[in-house]
Amino acid sequence: MYHDAGLARHAATDPRPRSAVSGGVGFAGLAGMTLWVAVARQYGLDGPYAALVNVAACAVPMLLWSIFVDKVHRAPSTGIDWSGARPWRETLDISITKLAGLWLTWGGIAVIYAVCRFYWEGGFPFAMWCFQMAAPGLFLLSIPYVLWIDRRLVDPRDGAWALGAWLMGSKEPVDGAAIANHLRSWAVKGFFLAFMLAIVPPGFGEFVRWDMSGLWSDPVALANWLITFMFVIDVAFATAGYILTFRPLDSHIRSANPFAAAWAAALICYPPFILMGEGGPLDYHPGTADWTHWYAGHDWLLAANGAILVGLTAVYAWATVAFGIRFSNLTHRGILTHGPYRFTRHPAYLSKNLFWWFATIPMFTTGSWTDAVRATVLMAVVAGVYYWRAKTEERHLSLDPAYRDYSAWMERNGPVPRFFAAVTGRRRSVEG
């Protein structure tokens, strides 16, 4: 009783910083997506178009929640003044300049897609088809959207405008830093949205087609079924996040990571640069087998390890759901402090790496003990890559005082930082 009272007093005197995203928006998206998955399974809708509907079923409820419940469009961080719109003649030149910069950016991304053979192999042709279908509409709709938003923006001269001004040889001063941030932001969106759209159909189709006969009596099948569903959730939310990057939703990119080390750490975790893939320098799979091999014939071990893997995947998916409509790599779109981010700064990286250790068990080997040592070392290096990646993200986000406040609170209160502080003997921060 006294302990509970002490915790309550501590929470009152050291409250968790406010999260930029509410918990409700993610659960709204999860409810919409789950409903569509049930419909798709019922009617056997397992194709790529049904997979795109799954993304929409996730995104639309989040949009509605964000606007009508959270009222995100009223947040000062949007940079929009809704009290009155300037006459369109005052912002017309700005809008034309901004459209020139925006279309130049899109054109550059299209050239990269067209030239790089990688984007026309594997699952990427579907992503390219999506972009081809969307391009005419985006081009046309960008005109009224930019004309409309510029009349309401407090400062409409953003990175797109600066790029357009540079393109047109404007005599006005051009902010090179704004151009660089604009290009980095679109590089993130162009790279990761193509990847997400490429992997949307396979996972969704696999889950919808899954044979559930005997599922509840087979701990391995049940674990794999639940894990697949968690990844369907993760991919749908992440794809929606990359698409819904708009100021009126307060989901715009505040800044894209300006540090080269951050880009290197992130890109080596994704194709075509991935180092952990099959045959890559950090491929730890040769000489190993997965958990179902080592625990075969021991149902209680299979069930226990399967439950651990499902739990870790659930944390991973929860970390994505917590972003709502704001998920994105290498960007700052608001500081999250709710959901799994109450316990650690990097729940996705932590759960993902623990999943790999429990799924692969690299200390066991199907070959020589040399293979076991090699696999263990390589997996430790992979974990080191994600630690490096986390630190580069912290370096970027720490440019925002809101993240510094959250990070300091996490050092004082976060269970995971407190655990590692106790293990390493490091003194936790006691300052706010």
Protein backbone atom coordinates (compact mmCIF):
# COMPACT_ATOMS: atom_id res chain seq x y z
CA MET A 1 0.00 0.00 0.00
CA TYR A 2 2.75 2.41 0.94
CA HIS A 3 4.68 1.42 -2.19
CA ASP A 4 1.65 2.18 -4.41
CA ALA A 5 1.22 5.54 -2.70
CA GLY A 6 4.89 6.31 -3.27
CA LEU A 7 4.57 5.51 -6.97
CA ALA A 8 1.53 7.74 -7.25
CA ARG A 9 3.34 10.64 -5.57
CA HIS A 10 6.36 10.12 -7.86
CA ALA A 11 4.15 10.12 -10.96
CA ALA A 12 2.55 13.36 -9.79
CA THR A 13 5.89 15.09 -9.16
CA ASP A 14 7.63 13.69 -12.26
CA PRO A 15 4.92 13.28 -14.92
CA ARG A 16 5.67 11.73 -18.27
CA PRO A 17 6.05 14.36 -21.02
CA ARG A 18 3.05 14.74 -23.28
CA SER A 19 3.07 12.57 -26.40
CA ALA A 20 2.63 14.18 -29.82
CA VAL A 21 0.28 11.31 -30.74
CA SER A 22 -2.70 10.03 -28.77
CA GLY A 23 -3.17 6.37 -27.99
CA GLY A 24 -6.63 6.37 -29.56
CA VAL A 25 -5.54 7.03 -33.13
CA GLY A 26 -3.50 3.84 -33.34
CA PHE A 27 -6.28 1.71 -31.88
CA ALA A 28 -8.75 3.22 -34.35
CA GLY A 29 -6.52 2.16 -37.21
CA LEU A 30 -6.05 -1.29 -35.70
CA ALA A 31 -9.81 -1.76 -35.39
CA GLY A 32 -10.42 -0.77 -39.02
CA MET A 33 -7.62 -2.98 -40.31
CA THR A 34 -8.72 -5.99 -38.24
CA LEU A 35 -12.26 -5.67 -39.57
CA TRP A 36 -11.02 -5.67 -43.17
CA VAL A 37 -8.72 -8.64 -42.55
CA ALA A 38 -11.71 -10.60 -41.22
CA VAL A 39 -13.71 -9.72 -44.34
CA ALA A 40 -10.79 -10.62 -46.61
CA ARG A 41 -10.37 -14.01 -44.93
CA GLN A 42 -14.08 -14.69 -45.14
CA TYR A 43 -14.24 -14.05 -48.88
CA GLY A 44 -10.72 -15.10 -49.89
CA LEU A 45 -9.59 -11.60 -50.89
CA ASP A 46 -5.86 -12.21 -50.91
CA GLY A 47 -4.65 -10.20 -53.91
CA PRO A 48 -2.58 -7.01 -54.09
CA TYR A 49 -5.62 -4.75 -54.42
CA ALA A 50 -7.11 -6.22 -51.25
CA ALA A 51 -3.76 -5.56 -49.57
CA LEU A 52 -4.01 -1.89 -50.58
CA VAL A 53 -7.53 -1.77 -49.17
CA ASN A 54 -6.03 -3.08 -45.93
CA VAL A 55 -3.77 -0.03 -45.80
CA ALA A 56 -6.77 2.22 -46.45
CA ALA A 57 -8.80 0.38 -43.79
CA CYS A 58 -6.02 1.23 -41.37
CA ALA A 59 -5.50 4.82 -42.54
CA VAL A 60 -9.09 6.11 -42.82
CA PRO A 61 -10.12 5.49 -39.17
CA MET A 62 -6.87 7.11 -38.05
CA LEU A 63 -7.63 10.13 -40.22
CA LEU A 64 -11.12 10.45 -38.78
CA TRP A 65 -9.89 10.04 -35.21
CA SER A 66 -7.07 12.53 -35.73
CA ILE A 67 -9.37 15.20 -37.14
CA PHE A 68 -12.58 14.78 -35.16
CA VAL A 69 -11.27 13.52 -31.81
CA ASP A 70 -7.69 14.74 -31.49
CA LYS A 71 -8.31 17.81 -33.70
CA VAL A 72 -4.70 17.69 -34.86
CA HIS A 73 -5.31 20.38 -37.45
CA ARG A 74 -5.65 22.90 -34.60
CA ALA A 75 -2.21 22.18 -33.16
CA PRO A 76 0.19 25.17 -33.32
CA SER A 77 2.88 22.85 -34.68
CA THR A 78 1.04 22.63 -38.01
CA GLY A 79 2.22 26.14 -38.82
CA ILE A 80 -1.28 26.95 -40.07
CA ASP A 81 -3.37 29.97 -39.11
CA TRP A 82 -7.01 28.96 -39.56
CA SER A 83 -8.36 32.31 -38.35
CA GLY A 84 -8.22 33.85 -41.77
CA ALA A 85 -6.90 33.17 -45.24
CA ARG A 86 -4.84 35.71 -47.14
CA PRO A 87 -6.14 36.75 -50.57
CA TRP A 88 -4.91 34.23 -53.13
CA ARG A 89 -3.23 37.00 -55.15
CA GLU A 90 -0.84 37.59 -52.24
CA THR A 91 0.40 34.01 -52.25
CA LEU A 92 0.04 33.09 -55.92
CA ASP A 93 3.69 33.72 -56.79
CA ILE A 94 4.79 31.75 -53.73
CA SER A 95 2.55 28.84 -54.70
CA ILE A 96 3.78 28.76 -58.30
CA THR A 97 7.37 28.77 -57.08
CA LYS A 98 6.61 26.02 -54.57
CA LEU A 99 4.91 23.87 -57.20
CA ALA A 100 7.98 24.20 -59.41
CA GLY A 101 10.18 22.95 -56.56
CA LEU A 102 7.78 20.15 -55.69
CA TRP A 103 7.44 18.92 -59.28
CA LEU A 104 11.21 19.06 -59.74
CA THR A 105 11.57 16.85 -56.67
CA TRP A 106 9.00 14.36 -57.92
CA GLY A 107 10.65 14.32 -61.32
CA GLY A 108 14.01 13.52 -59.75
CA ILE A 109 12.50 10.63 -57.77
CA ALA A 110 10.82 9.32 -60.94
CA VAL A 111 14.16 9.36 -62.78
CA ILE A 112 15.78 7.35 -59.97
CA TYR A 113 12.96 4.80 -60.10
CA ALA A 114 13.24 4.53 -63.89
CA VAL A 115 17.03 4.22 -64.01
CA CYS A 116 17.67 1.84 -61.11
CA ARG A 117 17.01 -1.73 -62.24
CA PHE A 118 16.45 -2.70 -58.60
CA TYR A 119 13.04 -1.01 -58.67
CA TRP A 120 11.81 -3.27 -61.47
CA GLU A 121 12.67 -6.59 -59.83
CA GLY A 122 11.09 -8.69 -57.08
CA GLY A 123 8.11 -7.05 -55.43
CA PHE A 124 9.00 -3.53 -56.52
CA PRO A 125 7.13 -3.54 -59.88
CA PHE A 126 3.90 -3.44 -57.86
CA ALA A 127 5.13 -0.35 -56.03
CA MET A 128 6.08 1.24 -59.36
CA TRP A 129 2.63 0.44 -60.72
CA CYS A 130 1.07 2.14 -57.68
CA PHE A 131 3.15 5.26 -58.30
CA GLN A 132 2.29 5.30 -62.01
CA MET A 133 -1.42 5.11 -61.21
CA ALA A 134 -1.20 7.80 -58.53
CA ALA A 135 1.10 10.23 -60.36
CA PRO A 136 -1.45 12.00 -62.62
CA GLY A 137 -3.84 12.56 -59.73
CA LEU A 138 -1.09 13.77 -57.42
CA PHE A 139 0.16 16.16 -60.07
CA LEU A 140 -3.29 17.68 -60.64
CA LEU A 141 -4.35 17.74 -56.98
CA SER A 142 -1.09 19.37 -55.90
CA ILE A 143 -2.17 22.58 -57.65
CA PRO A 144 -5.36 23.34 -55.66
CA TYR A 145 -3.79 21.94 -52.49
CA VAL A 146 -0.74 24.21 -52.60
CA LEU A 147 -2.86 27.23 -53.59
CA TRP A 148 -5.18 26.49 -50.66
CA ILE A 149 -2.57 25.74 -47.98
CA ASP A 150 -0.26 28.64 -48.82
CA ARG A 151 -3.04 31.12 -48.06
CA ARG A 152 -3.20 29.72 -44.51
CA LEU A 153 0.42 28.93 -43.68
CA VAL A 154 2.12 31.27 -41.26
CA ASP A 155 5.27 30.97 -43.36
CA PRO A 156 4.60 29.46 -46.80
CA ARG A 157 8.23 29.84 -47.92
CA ASP A 158 9.38 26.31 -47.05
CA GLY A 159 11.95 23.99 -48.58
CA ALA A 160 9.87 23.32 -51.70
CA TRP A 161 9.55 27.06 -52.25
CA ALA A 162 13.30 27.55 -51.74
CA LEU A 163 14.07 24.85 -54.30
CA GLY A 164 11.63 26.41 -56.76
CA ALA A 165 13.12 29.85 -56.17
CA TRP A 166 16.60 28.48 -56.84
CA LEU A 167 15.33 26.77 -59.99
CA MET A 168 13.77 29.98 -61.25
CA GLY A 169 16.83 32.07 -60.43
CA SER A 170 14.98 34.16 -57.86
CA LYS A 171 16.71 37.30 -56.60
CA GLU A 172 15.31 36.67 -53.13
CA PRO A 173 17.65 34.97 -50.63
CA VAL A 174 17.34 31.18 -50.84
CA ASP A 175 17.73 29.06 -47.71
CA GLY A 176 20.10 26.26 -48.65
CA ALA A 177 19.43 24.41 -45.38
CA ALA A 178 15.70 24.38 -46.14
CA ILE A 179 16.38 22.92 -49.59
CA ALA A 180 18.61 20.23 -48.10
CA ASN A 181 15.95 19.28 -45.54
CA HIS A 182 13.29 19.21 -48.25
CA LEU A 183 15.37 16.87 -50.42
CA ARG A 184 16.24 14.62 -47.49
CA SER A 185 12.58 14.41 -46.51
CA TRP A 186 11.52 13.34 -49.97
CA ALA A 187 14.46 10.93 -50.22
CA VAL A 188 13.15 9.21 -47.08
CA LYS A 189 9.63 9.08 -48.43
CA GLY A 190 10.67 7.94 -51.91
CA PHE A 191 12.96 5.19 -50.64
CA PHE A 192 10.86 3.76 -47.83
CA LEU A 193 7.40 4.10 -49.38
CA ALA A 194 8.54 2.10 -52.42
CA PHE A 195 9.87 -0.59 -50.08
CA MET A 196 6.69 -0.70 -47.98
CA LEU A 197 4.40 -0.95 -51.01
CA ALA A 198 6.56 -3.78 -52.35
CA ILE A 199 6.06 -5.86 -49.19
CA VAL A 200 2.40 -5.02 -48.54
CA PRO A 201 0.84 -7.73 -50.79
CA PRO A 202 2.98 -10.80 -49.89
CA GLY A 203 2.44 -10.70 -46.13
CA PHE A 204 -1.24 -9.81 -46.40
CA GLY A 205 -1.89 -12.55 -48.94
CA GLU A 206 -0.05 -15.14 -46.83
CA PHE A 207 -2.12 -14.33 -43.77
CA VAL A 208 -5.45 -14.34 -45.61
CA ARG A 209 -4.67 -17.74 -47.22
CA TRP A 210 -3.45 -19.31 -43.97
CA ASP A 211 -4.98 -22.74 -43.27
CA MET A 212 -6.27 -22.58 -39.72
CA SER A 213 -7.17 -26.27 -39.42
CA GLY A 214 -5.44 -27.72 -36.38
CA LEU A 215 -4.00 -24.32 -35.54
CA TRP A 216 -4.91 -24.38 -31.85
CA SER A 217 -3.30 -27.76 -31.26
CA ASP A 218 0.03 -26.86 -32.90
CA PRO A 219 2.08 -24.31 -30.91
CA VAL A 220 4.46 -23.68 -33.83
CA ALA A 221 1.67 -23.04 -36.34
CA LEU A 222 -0.18 -20.82 -33.86
CA ALA A 223 2.94 -18.78 -33.12
CA ASN A 224 3.76 -18.34 -36.81
CA TRP A 225 0.15 -17.36 -37.58
CA LEU A 226 0.14 -14.69 -34.87
CA ILE A 227 3.60 -13.45 -35.86
CA THR A 228 2.48 -13.10 -39.48
CA PHE A 229 -0.54 -11.08 -38.36
CA MET A 230 1.70 -8.78 -36.31
CA PHE A 231 3.81 -8.09 -39.38
CA VAL A 232 0.68 -7.39 -41.44
CA ILE A 233 -0.21 -4.77 -38.81
CA ASP A 234 3.29 -3.29 -38.84
CA VAL A 235 3.45 -2.99 -42.63
CA ALA A 236 -0.04 -1.48 -42.96
CA PHE A 237 0.62 1.19 -40.33
CA ALA A 238 4.07 2.00 -41.67
CA THR A 239 2.77 2.34 -45.23
CA ALA A 240 -0.05 4.61 -44.08
CA GLY A 241 2.46 6.70 -42.16
CA TYR A 242 4.67 7.31 -45.19
CA ILE A 243 1.64 8.29 -47.28
CA LEU A 244 -0.07 10.62 -44.80
CA THR A 245 2.56 13.33 -44.54
CA PHE A 246 0.49 16.52 -44.43
CA ARG A 247 0.65 19.74 -42.43
CA PRO A 248 -3.12 19.95 -41.84
CA LEU A 249 -2.80 16.59 -40.07
CA ASP A 250 0.22 17.80 -38.07
CA SER A 251 1.98 14.74 -39.48
CA HIS A 252 4.42 16.66 -41.67
CA ILE A 253 8.16 16.11 -41.40
CA ARG A 254 9.66 18.63 -39.03
CA SER A 255 13.16 17.61 -40.07
CA ALA A 256 14.87 14.74 -41.84
CA ASN A 257 17.97 13.38 -40.17
CA PRO A 258 20.91 15.57 -41.29
CA PHE A 259 23.67 13.18 -40.18
CA ALA A 260 25.37 10.89 -42.71
CA ALA A 261 25.98 8.23 -40.04
CA ALA A 262 22.22 7.98 -39.45
CA TRP A 263 21.57 7.34 -43.13
CA ALA A 264 24.32 4.73 -43.29
CA ALA A 265 23.02 2.94 -40.19
CA ALA A 266 19.45 2.87 -41.52
CA LEU A 267 20.09 2.02 -45.15
CA ILE A 268 22.27 -1.01 -44.44
CA CYS A 269 19.19 -2.56 -42.81
CA TYR A 270 17.14 -2.39 -46.04
CA PRO A 271 17.55 -3.66 -49.60
CA PRO A 272 19.41 -3.08 -51.85
CA PHE A 273 22.01 -2.03 -49.26
CA ILE A 274 21.12 -4.62 -46.62
CA LEU A 275 24.11 -6.31 -44.99
CA MET A 276 22.13 -8.90 -43.01
CA GLY A 277 20.45 -10.50 -46.02
CA GLU A 278 21.26 -13.87 -47.52
CA GLY A 279 24.90 -13.94 -48.57
CA GLY A 280 25.58 -10.53 -47.02
CA PRO A 281 28.62 -9.82 -44.84
CA LEU A 282 26.44 -9.90 -41.70
CA ASP A 283 24.40 -12.97 -42.70
CA TYR A 284 24.42 -15.10 -39.54
CA HIS A 285 22.22 -17.93 -40.88
CA PRO A 286 24.79 -20.39 -42.37
CA GLY A 287 25.36 -23.24 -39.94
CA THR A 288 22.25 -22.42 -37.91
CA ALA A 289 18.65 -23.62 -37.66
CA ASP A 290 15.58 -21.97 -36.19
CA TRP A 291 13.85 -22.61 -32.87
CA THR A 292 11.49 -25.25 -34.29
CA HIS A 293 14.50 -27.43 -35.13
CA TRP A 294 16.16 -27.25 -31.72
CA TYR A 295 12.97 -27.69 -29.67
CA ALA A 296 11.33 -30.30 -31.91
CA GLY A 297 9.60 -33.02 -29.91
CA HIS A 298 9.37 -30.84 -26.78
CA ASP A 299 5.93 -29.27 -26.97
CA TRP A 300 6.30 -27.23 -23.80
CA LEU A 301 9.55 -25.66 -25.06
CA LEU A 302 7.97 -24.97 -28.45
CA ALA A 303 4.98 -23.35 -26.76
CA ALA A 304 7.14 -21.29 -24.38
CA ASN A 305 9.53 -20.05 -27.06
CA GLY A 306 6.63 -19.43 -29.44
CA ALA A 307 4.91 -17.32 -26.79
CA ILE A 308 8.11 -15.30 -26.29
CA LEU A 309 8.42 -14.68 -30.04
CA VAL A 310 4.77 -13.68 -30.34
CA GLY A 311 5.18 -11.29 -27.41
CA LEU A 312 8.28 -9.70 -28.91
CA THR A 313 6.58 -9.31 -32.28
CA ALA A 314 3.56 -7.77 -30.55
CA VAL A 315 5.83 -5.16 -28.93
CA TYR A 316 7.39 -4.49 -32.35
CA ALA A 317 3.98 -4.01 -33.96
CA TRP A 318 2.77 -1.94 -30.99
CA ALA A 319 5.73 0.39 -31.46
CA THR A 320 4.55 1.05 -35.02
CA VAL A 321 0.87 1.36 -34.07
CA ALA A 322 1.84 3.97 -31.46
CA PHE A 323 2.96 6.30 -34.26
CA GLY A 324 -0.56 6.43 -35.68
CA ILE A 325 -0.26 8.30 -38.98
CA ARG A 326 3.30 9.49 -38.29
CA PHE A 327 5.51 6.44 -38.74
CA SER A 328 8.72 7.12 -40.67
CA ASN A 329 12.40 6.32 -40.57
CA LEU A 330 15.03 9.05 -40.40
CA THR A 331 12.59 11.86 -39.64
CA HIS A 332 11.21 13.93 -36.77
CA ARG A 333 7.41 14.10 -36.96
CA GLY A 334 6.67 14.67 -33.28
CA ILE A 335 7.96 13.06 -30.09
CA LEU A 336 6.20 9.91 -28.86
CA THR A 337 6.06 9.17 -25.14
CA HIS A 338 3.10 6.78 -24.90
CA GLY A 339 2.59 3.08 -25.63
CA PRO A 340 5.83 1.07 -25.50
CA TYR A 341 7.76 4.36 -25.53
CA ARG A 342 6.86 4.65 -21.83
CA PHE A 343 9.30 1.82 -21.14
CA THR A 344 12.19 2.38 -23.53
CA ARG A 345 13.24 4.85 -26.22
CA HIS A 346 13.62 2.11 -28.82
CA PRO A 347 11.03 -0.64 -28.27
CA ALA A 348 11.05 -1.74 -31.92
CA TYR A 349 14.82 -2.20 -32.13
CA LEU A 350 14.98 -3.95 -28.78
CA SER A 351 12.14 -6.38 -29.50
CA LYS A 352 13.34 -7.07 -33.05
CA ASN A 353 16.84 -8.01 -31.96
CA LEU A 354 15.61 -10.15 -29.08
CA PHE A 355 13.29 -11.90 -31.54
CA TRP A 356 16.22 -12.81 -33.76
CA TRP A 357 18.18 -14.24 -30.82
CA PHE A 358 15.25 -16.37 -29.59
CA ALA A 359 14.29 -17.46 -33.11
CA THR A 360 17.76 -18.42 -34.33
CA ILE A 361 19.61 -19.40 -31.13
CA PRO A 362 23.00 -18.89 -32.84
CA MET A 363 24.93 -20.63 -30.06
CA PHE A 364 23.60 -23.95 -31.42
CA THR A 365 24.93 -25.19 -34.73
CA THR A 366 24.05 -27.61 -37.51
CA GLY A 367 27.63 -27.54 -38.70
CA SER A 368 30.83 -26.95 -36.74
CA TRP A 369 31.36 -25.02 -33.53
CA THR A 370 33.14 -22.51 -35.70
CA ASP A 371 29.77 -21.84 -37.35
CA ALA A 372 28.19 -21.31 -33.94
CA VAL A 373 30.86 -18.82 -32.90
CA ARG A 374 30.65 -17.04 -36.23
CA ALA A 375 26.83 -16.82 -36.10
CA THR A 376 26.87 -15.54 -32.52
CA VAL A 377 29.46 -12.88 -33.29
CA LEU A 378 27.65 -11.77 -36.44
CA MET A 379 24.33 -11.54 -34.62
CA ALA A 380 26.02 -9.45 -31.93
CA VAL A 381 27.35 -7.18 -34.69
CA VAL A 382 23.81 -6.86 -36.09
CA ALA A 383 22.62 -5.84 -32.62
CA GLY A 384 25.48 -3.32 -32.60
CA VAL A 385 24.23 -1.90 -35.90
CA TYR A 386 20.82 -1.29 -34.35
CA TYR A 387 22.43 0.27 -31.27
CA TRP A 388 24.36 2.59 -33.60
CA ARG A 389 21.17 3.33 -35.49
CA ALA A 390 19.37 4.18 -32.25
CA LYS A 391 22.11 6.55 -31.17
CA THR A 392 22.08 8.39 -34.51
CA GLU A 393 18.33 8.85 -34.17
CA GLU A 394 18.74 10.19 -30.65
CA ARG A 395 21.36 12.63 -31.90
CA HIS A 396 18.88 13.98 -34.44
CA LEU A 397 15.83 14.09 -32.16
CA SER A 398 17.84 15.70 -29.37
CA LEU A 399 17.89 18.88 -31.45
CA ASP A 400 14.31 19.25 -30.18
CA PRO A 401 13.99 20.25 -26.49
CA ALA A 402 10.86 18.08 -26.27
CA TYR A 403 12.96 14.98 -26.95
CA ARG A 404 15.58 16.03 -24.44
CA ASP A 405 12.85 16.32 -21.80
CA TYR A 406 11.50 12.89 -22.73
CA SER A 407 14.97 11.34 -22.73
CA ALA A 408 15.74 12.76 -19.28
CA TRP A 409 12.40 11.48 -17.97
CA MET A 410 13.13 8.06 -19.46
CA GLU A 411 16.49 7.93 -17.67
CA ARG A 412 14.72 8.59 -14.37
CA ASN A 413 11.64 6.44 -14.89
CA GLY A 414 11.96 4.08 -17.87
CA PRO A 415 12.17 0.42 -16.81
CA VAL A 416 14.60 -0.55 -19.56
CA PRO A 417 17.08 2.34 -19.00
CA ARG A 418 16.84 1.73 -15.25
CA PHE A 419 17.57 -1.97 -15.75
CA PHE A 420 20.65 -1.32 -17.86
CA ALA A 421 21.80 1.35 -15.43
CA ALA A 422 21.56 -1.18 -12.61
CA VAL A 423 23.41 -3.85 -14.62
CA THR A 424 26.21 -1.55 -15.70
CA GLY A 425 26.42 0.36 -12.42
CA ARG A 426 25.88 3.63 -14.29
CA ARG A 427 24.26 6.44 -12.34
CA ARG A 428 20.97 7.56 -13.80
CA SER A 429 20.30 11.20 -14.49
CA VAL A 430 18.64 12.95 -11.57
CA GLU A 431 18.21 16.25 -13.30
CA GLY A 432 15.19 17.23 -15.34
